[in-house]
Amino acid sequence: MARRPSTRVPRYREIAQILRAELADEVYAFGGIFPKELDLCERFAVSRFTVRNAMAELEAAGLVERRKAIGTIVR
């Protein structure tokens, strides 16, 4: 019996979609500081690893820029 591929969206992708929508709605100001990883972990009740994957998607899409010692900047 063949197994059907899962159609479930990974949690980090769900979070990235939510954050992408908030960026589109200008919840976060252009050039402003994005919420910290730990705050997002609390908000979504997920691990830091999950939040980092979501943030990596946003960064790859050019929506945010991560800067060491500063934080994540909205682009």
PDB file of N, CA and C in Angstrom:
ATOM      1  N   MET A   1       0.845  -1.178   0.000  1.00  0.00           N
ATOM      2  CA  MET A   1       0.000   0.000   0.000  1.00  0.00           C
ATOM      3  C   MET A   1       0.896   1.249   0.000  1.00  0.00           C
ATOM      4  N   ALA A   2       0.691   2.116  -0.961  1.00  0.00           N
ATOM      5  CA  ALA A   2       1.507   3.316  -1.099  1.00  0.00           C
ATOM      6  C   ALA A   2       1.043   4.391  -0.128  1.00  0.00           C
ATOM      7  N   ARG A   3       2.004   5.091   0.410  1.00  0.00           N
ATOM      8  CA  ARG A   3       1.709   6.193   1.324  1.00  0.00           C
ATOM      9  C   ARG A   3       1.498   7.475   0.566  1.00  0.00           C
ATOM     10  N   ARG A   4       0.473   8.207   0.904  1.00  0.00           N
ATOM     11  CA  ARG A   4       0.216   9.493   0.264  1.00  0.00           C
ATOM     12  C   ARG A   4       1.061  10.567   0.929  1.00  0.00           C
ATOM     13  N   PRO A   5       1.617  11.465   0.134  1.00  0.00           N
ATOM     14  CA  PRO A   5       2.417  12.540   0.742  1.00  0.00           C
ATOM     15  C   PRO A   5       1.534  13.441   1.613  1.00  0.00           C
ATOM     16  N   SER A   6       2.110  13.914   2.679  1.00  0.00           N
ATOM     17  CA  SER A   6       1.389  14.781   3.606  1.00  0.00           C
ATOM     18  C   SER A   6       1.146  16.145   2.961  1.00  0.00           C
ATOM     19  N   THR A   7      -0.062  16.672   3.153  1.00  0.00           N
ATOM     20  CA  THR A   7      -0.379  18.000   2.629  1.00  0.00           C
ATOM     21  C   THR A   7      -0.323  19.040   3.740  1.00  0.00           C
ATOM     22  N   ARG A   8       0.094  18.618   4.921  1.00  0.00           N
ATOM     23  CA  ARG A   8       0.178  19.515   6.067  1.00  0.00           C
ATOM     24  C   ARG A   8       1.327  20.501   5.874  1.00  0.00           C
ATOM     25  N   VAL A   9       1.045  21.765   6.131  1.00  0.00           N
ATOM     26  CA  VAL A   9       2.056  22.811   6.016  1.00  0.00           C
ATOM     27  C   VAL A   9       2.880  22.824   7.303  1.00  0.00           C
ATOM     28  N   PRO A  10       4.219  22.832   7.188  1.00  0.00           N
ATOM     29  CA  PRO A  10       5.049  22.887   8.397  1.00  0.00           C
ATOM     30  C   PRO A  10       4.741  24.145   9.216  1.00  0.00           C
ATOM     31  N   ARG A  11       4.886  24.045  10.530  1.00  0.00           N
ATOM     32  CA  ARG A  11       4.560  25.153  11.429  1.00  0.00           C
ATOM     33  C   ARG A  11       5.377  26.405  11.105  1.00  0.00           C
ATOM     34  N   TYR A  12       6.653  26.252  10.767  1.00  0.00           N
ATOM     35  CA  TYR A  12       7.467  27.441  10.469  1.00  0.00           C
ATOM     36  C   TYR A  12       6.934  28.172   9.247  1.00  0.00           C
ATOM     37  N   ARG A  13       6.385  27.431   8.285  1.00  0.00           N
ATOM     38  CA  ARG A  13       5.799  28.075   7.094  1.00  0.00           C
ATOM     39  C   ARG A  13       4.519  28.807   7.458  1.00  0.00           C
ATOM     40  N   GLU A  14       3.715  28.228   8.347  1.00  0.00           N
ATOM     41  CA  GLU A  14       2.495  28.906   8.814  1.00  0.00           C
ATOM     42  C   GLU A  14       2.864  30.235   9.479  1.00  0.00           C
ATOM     43  N   ILE A  15       3.886  30.190  10.333  1.00  0.00           N
ATOM     44  CA  ILE A  15       4.330  31.392  11.040  1.00  0.00           C
ATOM     45  C   ILE A  15       4.861  32.414  10.040  1.00  0.00           C
ATOM     46  N   ALA A  16       5.649  31.971   9.074  1.00  0.00           N
ATOM     47  CA  ALA A  16       6.181  32.875   8.051  1.00  0.00           C
ATOM     48  C   ALA A  16       5.036  33.534   7.278  1.00  0.00           C
ATOM     49  N   GLN A  17       3.984  32.786   6.981  1.00  0.00           N
ATOM     50  CA  GLN A  17       2.834  33.344   6.264  1.00  0.00           C
ATOM     51  C   GLN A  17       2.122  34.404   7.105  1.00  0.00           C
ATOM     52  N   ILE A  18       1.966  34.138   8.388  1.00  0.00           N
ATOM     53  CA  ILE A  18       1.328  35.106   9.290  1.00  0.00           C
ATOM     54  C   ILE A  18       2.157  36.386   9.354  1.00  0.00           C
ATOM     55  N   LEU A  19       3.466  36.229   9.543  1.00  0.00           N
ATOM     56  CA  LEU A  19       4.348  37.391   9.642  1.00  0.00           C
ATOM     57  C   LEU A  19       4.425  38.149   8.317  1.00  0.00           C
ATOM     58  N   ARG A  20       4.410  37.415   7.207  1.00  0.00           N
ATOM     59  CA  ARG A  20       4.410  38.046   5.881  1.00  0.00           C
ATOM     60  C   ARG A  20       3.154  38.904   5.704  1.00  0.00           C
ATOM     61  N   ALA A  21       2.014  38.387   6.148  1.00  0.00           N
ATOM     62  CA  ALA A  21       0.751  39.142   6.057  1.00  0.00           C
ATOM     63  C   ALA A  21       0.815  40.389   6.933  1.00  0.00           C
ATOM     64  N   GLU A  22       1.393  40.267   8.133  1.00  0.00           N
ATOM     65  CA  GLU A  22       1.527  41.422   9.021  1.00  0.00           C
ATOM     66  C   GLU A  22       2.456  42.472   8.419  1.00  0.00           C
ATOM     67  N   LEU A  23       3.509  42.039   7.753  1.00  0.00           N
ATOM     68  CA  LEU A  23       4.409  42.976   7.077  1.00  0.00           C
ATOM     69  C   LEU A  23       3.665  43.691   5.951  1.00  0.00           C
ATOM     70  N   ALA A  24       2.856  42.962   5.198  1.00  0.00           N
ATOM     71  CA  ALA A  24       2.079  43.559   4.110  1.00  0.00           C
ATOM     72  C   ALA A  24       1.065  44.566   4.643  1.00  0.00           C
ATOM     73  N   ASP A  25       0.520  44.287   5.833  1.00  0.00           N
ATOM     74  CA  ASP A  25      -0.451  45.197   6.460  1.00  0.00           C
ATOM     75  C   ASP A  25       0.229  46.327   7.232  1.00  0.00           C
ATOM     76  N   GLU A  26       1.556  46.377   7.143  1.00  0.00           N
ATOM     77  CA  GLU A  26       2.367  47.404   7.804  1.00  0.00           C
ATOM     78  C   GLU A  26       2.182  47.446   9.317  1.00  0.00           C
ATOM     79  N   VAL A  27       2.036  46.258   9.898  1.00  0.00           N
ATOM     80  CA  VAL A  27       1.986  46.157  11.360  1.00  0.00           C
ATOM     81  C   VAL A  27       3.344  46.585  11.930  1.00  0.00           C
ATOM     82  N   TYR A  28       4.402  46.287  11.182  1.00  0.00           N
ATOM     83  CA  TYR A  28       5.758  46.665  11.576  1.00  0.00           C
ATOM     84  C   TYR A  28       6.253  47.735  10.613  1.00  0.00           C
ATOM     85  N   ALA A  29       6.795  48.817  11.134  1.00  0.00           N
ATOM     86  CA  ALA A  29       7.228  49.954  10.322  1.00  0.00           C
ATOM     87  C   ALA A  29       8.456  49.613   9.479  1.00  0.00           C
ATOM     88  N   PHE A  30       8.468  50.112   8.248  1.00  0.00           N
ATOM     89  CA  PHE A  30       9.615  49.950   7.360  1.00  0.00           C
ATOM     90  C   PHE A  30      10.856  50.549   8.025  1.00  0.00           C
ATOM     91  N   GLY A  31      11.921  49.767   8.066  1.00  0.00           N
ATOM     92  CA  GLY A  31      13.158  50.225   8.686  1.00  0.00           C
ATOM     93  C   GLY A  31      13.183  50.046  10.195  1.00  0.00           C
ATOM     94  N   GLY A  32      12.051  49.626  10.760  1.00  0.00           N
ATOM     95  CA  GLY A  32      11.963  49.422  12.206  1.00  0.00           C
ATOM     96  C   GLY A  32      12.485  48.061  12.623  1.00  0.00           C
ATOM     97  N   ILE A  33      12.572  47.894  13.913  1.00  0.00           N
ATOM     98  CA  ILE A  33      13.044  46.632  14.477  1.00  0.00           C
ATOM     99  C   ILE A  33      11.872  45.645  14.560  1.00  0.00           C
ATOM    100  N   PHE A  34      12.104  44.433  14.072  1.00  0.00           N
ATOM    101  CA  PHE A  34      11.125  43.350  14.100  1.00  0.00           C
ATOM    102  C   PHE A  34      11.166  42.696  15.488  1.00  0.00           C
ATOM    103  N   PRO A  35      10.090  42.048  15.930  1.00  0.00           N
ATOM    104  CA  PRO A  35      10.111  41.390  17.243  1.00  0.00           C
ATOM    105  C   PRO A  35      11.273  40.391  17.365  1.00  0.00           C
ATOM    106  N   LYS A  36      11.761  40.232  18.578  1.00  0.00           N
ATOM    107  CA  LYS A  36      12.869  39.319  18.844  1.00  0.00           C
ATOM    108  C   LYS A  36      12.411  37.870  18.736  1.00  0.00           C
ATOM    109  N   GLU A  37      13.361  36.990  18.451  1.00  0.00           N
ATOM    110  CA  GLU A  37      13.065  35.562  18.318  1.00  0.00           C
ATOM    111  C   GLU A  37      12.337  35.017  19.541  1.00  0.00           C
ATOM    112  N   LEU A  38      12.830  35.356  20.718  1.00  0.00           N
ATOM    113  CA  LEU A  38      12.216  34.817  21.931  1.00  0.00           C
ATOM    114  C   LEU A  38      10.774  35.290  22.104  1.00  0.00           C
ATOM    115  N   ASP A  39      10.500  36.524  21.704  1.00  0.00           N
ATOM    116  CA  ASP A  39       9.129  37.039  21.765  1.00  0.00           C
ATOM    117  C   ASP A  39       8.229  36.278  20.794  1.00  0.00           C
ATOM    118  N   LEU A  40       8.755  35.978  19.615  1.00  0.00           N
ATOM    119  CA  LEU A  40       7.984  35.212  18.638  1.00  0.00           C
ATOM    120  C   LEU A  40       7.778  33.770  19.101  1.00  0.00           C
ATOM    121  N   CYS A  41       8.780  33.208  19.768  1.00  0.00           N
ATOM    122  CA  CYS A  41       8.643  31.858  20.330  1.00  0.00           C
ATOM    123  C   CYS A  41       7.486  31.813  21.318  1.00  0.00           C
ATOM    124  N   GLU A  42       7.426  32.821  22.169  1.00  0.00           N
ATOM    125  CA  GLU A  42       6.335  32.909  23.154  1.00  0.00           C
ATOM    126  C   GLU A  42       4.995  33.099  22.471  1.00  0.00           C
ATOM    127  N   ARG A  43       4.953  34.020  21.538  1.00  0.00           N
ATOM    128  CA  ARG A  43       3.697  34.341  20.845  1.00  0.00           C
ATOM    129  C   ARG A  43       3.096  33.119  20.152  1.00  0.00           C
ATOM    130  N   PHE A  44       3.938  32.347  19.456  1.00  0.00           N
ATOM    131  CA  PHE A  44       3.450  31.212  18.687  1.00  0.00           C
ATOM    132  C   PHE A  44       3.590  29.876  19.419  1.00  0.00           C
ATOM    133  N   ALA A  45       4.143  29.901  20.621  1.00  0.00           N
ATOM    134  CA  ALA A  45       4.345  28.688  21.441  1.00  0.00           C
ATOM    135  C   ALA A  45       5.124  27.620  20.658  1.00  0.00           C
ATOM    136  N   VAL A  46       6.267  28.054  20.124  1.00  0.00           N
ATOM    137  CA  VAL A  46       7.120  27.146  19.362  1.00  0.00           C
ATOM    138  C   VAL A  46       8.571  27.320  19.810  1.00  0.00           C
ATOM    139  N   SER A  47       9.429  26.445  19.313  1.00  0.00           N
ATOM    140  CA  SER A  47      10.853  26.506  19.660  1.00  0.00           C
ATOM    141  C   SER A  47      11.559  27.597  18.863  1.00  0.00           C
ATOM    142  N   ARG A  48      12.732  27.935  19.317  1.00  0.00           N
ATOM    143  CA  ARG A  48      13.551  28.940  18.626  1.00  0.00           C
ATOM    144  C   ARG A  48      13.945  28.445  17.229  1.00  0.00           C
ATOM    145  N   PHE A  49      14.151  27.150  17.112  1.00  0.00           N
ATOM    146  CA  PHE A  49      14.479  26.535  15.826  1.00  0.00           C
ATOM    147  C   PHE A  49      13.369  26.803  14.809  1.00  0.00           C
ATOM    148  N   THR A  50      12.122  26.661  15.229  1.00  0.00           N
ATOM    149  CA  THR A  50      10.972  26.900  14.351  1.00  0.00           C
ATOM    150  C   THR A  50      10.912  28.363  13.933  1.00  0.00           C
ATOM    151  N   VAL A  51      11.109  29.269  14.882  1.00  0.00           N
ATOM    152  CA  VAL A  51      11.090  30.702  14.574  1.00  0.00           C
ATOM    153  C   VAL A  51      12.241  31.054  13.635  1.00  0.00           C
ATOM    154  N   ARG A  52      13.402  30.475  13.848  1.00  0.00           N
ATOM    155  CA  ARG A  52      14.549  30.762  12.972  1.00  0.00           C
ATOM    156  C   ARG A  52      14.272  30.322  11.535  1.00  0.00           C
ATOM    157  N   ASN A  53      13.604  29.199  11.374  1.00  0.00           N
ATOM    158  CA  ASN A  53      13.246  28.749  10.024  1.00  0.00           C
ATOM    159  C   ASN A  53      12.268  29.724   9.366  1.00  0.00           C
ATOM    160  N   ALA A  54      11.304  30.194  10.129  1.00  0.00           N
ATOM    161  CA  ALA A  54      10.342  31.169   9.602  1.00  0.00           C
ATOM    162  C   ALA A  54      11.052  32.461   9.223  1.00  0.00           C
ATOM    163  N   MET A  55      11.951  32.915  10.079  1.00  0.00           N
ATOM    164  CA  MET A  55      12.696  34.146   9.816  1.00  0.00           C
ATOM    165  C   MET A  55      13.600  33.994   8.591  1.00  0.00           C
ATOM    166  N   ALA A  56      14.164  32.817   8.413  1.00  0.00           N
ATOM    167  CA  ALA A  56      15.015  32.561   7.249  1.00  0.00           C
ATOM    168  C   ALA A  56      14.202  32.701   5.961  1.00  0.00           C
ATOM    169  N   GLU A  57      12.942  32.264   5.983  1.00  0.00           N
ATOM    170  CA  GLU A  57      12.079  32.425   4.810  1.00  0.00           C
ATOM    171  C   GLU A  57      11.812  33.897   4.523  1.00  0.00           C
ATOM    172  N   LEU A  58      11.544  34.665   5.575  1.00  0.00           N
ATOM    173  CA  LEU A  58      11.291  36.095   5.386  1.00  0.00           C
ATOM    174  C   LEU A  58      12.536  36.801   4.871  1.00  0.00           C
ATOM    175  N   GLU A  59      13.676  36.410   5.386  1.00  0.00           N
ATOM    176  CA  GLU A  59      14.933  37.022   4.957  1.00  0.00           C
ATOM    177  C   GLU A  59      15.229  36.661   3.495  1.00  0.00           C
ATOM    178  N   ALA A  60      15.008  35.414   3.123  1.00  0.00           N
ATOM    179  CA  ALA A  60      15.239  34.971   1.743  1.00  0.00           C
ATOM    180  C   ALA A  60      14.322  35.711   0.769  1.00  0.00           C
ATOM    181  N   ALA A  61      13.140  36.091   1.240  1.00  0.00           N
ATOM    182  CA  ALA A  61      12.187  36.822   0.404  1.00  0.00           C
ATOM    183  C   ALA A  61      12.499  38.320   0.360  1.00  0.00           C
ATOM    184  N   GLY A  62      13.506  38.746   1.138  1.00  0.00           N
ATOM    185  CA  GLY A  62      13.901  40.155   1.140  1.00  0.00           C
ATOM    186  C   GLY A  62      12.993  41.047   1.977  1.00  0.00           C
ATOM    187  N   LEU A  63      12.217  40.447   2.868  1.00  0.00           N
ATOM    188  CA  LEU A  63      11.283  41.227   3.685  1.00  0.00           C
ATOM    189  C   LEU A  63      11.914  41.760   4.963  1.00  0.00           C
ATOM    190  N   VAL A  64      12.925  41.063   5.450  1.00  0.00           N
ATOM    191  CA  VAL A  64      13.630  41.495   6.653  1.00  0.00           C
ATOM    192  C   VAL A  64      15.127  41.285   6.452  1.00  0.00           C
ATOM    193  N   GLU A  65      15.897  41.971   7.260  1.00  0.00           N
ATOM    194  CA  GLU A  65      17.352  41.812   7.246  1.00  0.00           C
ATOM    195  C   GLU A  65      17.794  41.591   8.674  1.00  0.00           C
ATOM    196  N   ARG A  66      18.528  40.521   8.886  1.00  0.00           N
ATOM    197  CA  ARG A  66      18.997  40.201  10.233  1.00  0.00           C
ATOM    198  C   ARG A  66      20.401  40.762  10.419  1.00  0.00           C
ATOM    199  N   ARG A  67      20.579  41.523  11.502  1.00  0.00           N
ATOM    200  CA  ARG A  67      21.882  42.141  11.780  1.00  0.00           C
ATOM    201  C   ARG A  67      22.337  41.736  13.172  1.00  0.00           C
ATOM    202  N   LYS A  68      23.550  41.247  13.217  1.00  0.00           N
ATOM    203  CA  LYS A  68      24.135  40.828  14.484  1.00  0.00           C
ATOM    204  C   LYS A  68      24.239  42.022  15.429  1.00  0.00           C
ATOM    205  N   ALA A  69      23.868  41.822  16.661  1.00  0.00           N
ATOM    206  CA  ALA A  69      23.924  42.820  17.741  1.00  0.00           C
ATOM    207  C   ALA A  69      22.897  43.948  17.584  1.00  0.00           C
ATOM    208  N   ILE A  70      22.125  43.949  16.493  1.00  0.00           N
ATOM    209  CA  ILE A  70      21.090  44.975  16.316  1.00  0.00           C
ATOM    210  C   ILE A  70      19.711  44.334  16.383  1.00  0.00           C
ATOM    211  N   GLY A  71      19.526  43.280  15.595  1.00  0.00           N
ATOM    212  CA  GLY A  71      18.240  42.600  15.532  1.00  0.00           C
ATOM    213  C   GLY A  71      17.794  42.452  14.095  1.00  0.00           C
ATOM    214  N   THR A  72      16.516  42.259  13.917  1.00  0.00           N
ATOM    215  CA  THR A  72      15.949  42.080  12.592  1.00  0.00           C
ATOM    216  C   THR A  72      15.268  43.375  12.166  1.00  0.00           C
ATOM    217  N   ILE A  73      15.633  43.834  10.977  1.00  0.00           N
ATOM    218  CA  ILE A  73      15.139  45.103  10.439  1.00  0.00           C
ATOM    219  C   ILE A  73      14.111  44.814   9.350  1.00  0.00           C
ATOM    220  N   VAL A  74      13.007  45.551   9.362  1.00  0.00           N
ATOM    221  CA  VAL A  74      11.968  45.392   8.342  1.00  0.00           C
ATOM    222  C   VAL A  74      12.422  46.070   7.063  1.00  0.00           C
ATOM    223  N   ARG A  75      12.317  45.352   5.956  1.00  0.00           N
ATOM    224  CA  ARG A  75      12.707  45.895   4.642  1.00  0.00           C
ATOM    225  C   ARG A  75      11.485  46.080   3.814  1.00  0.00           C
TER     226      ARG A  75
END
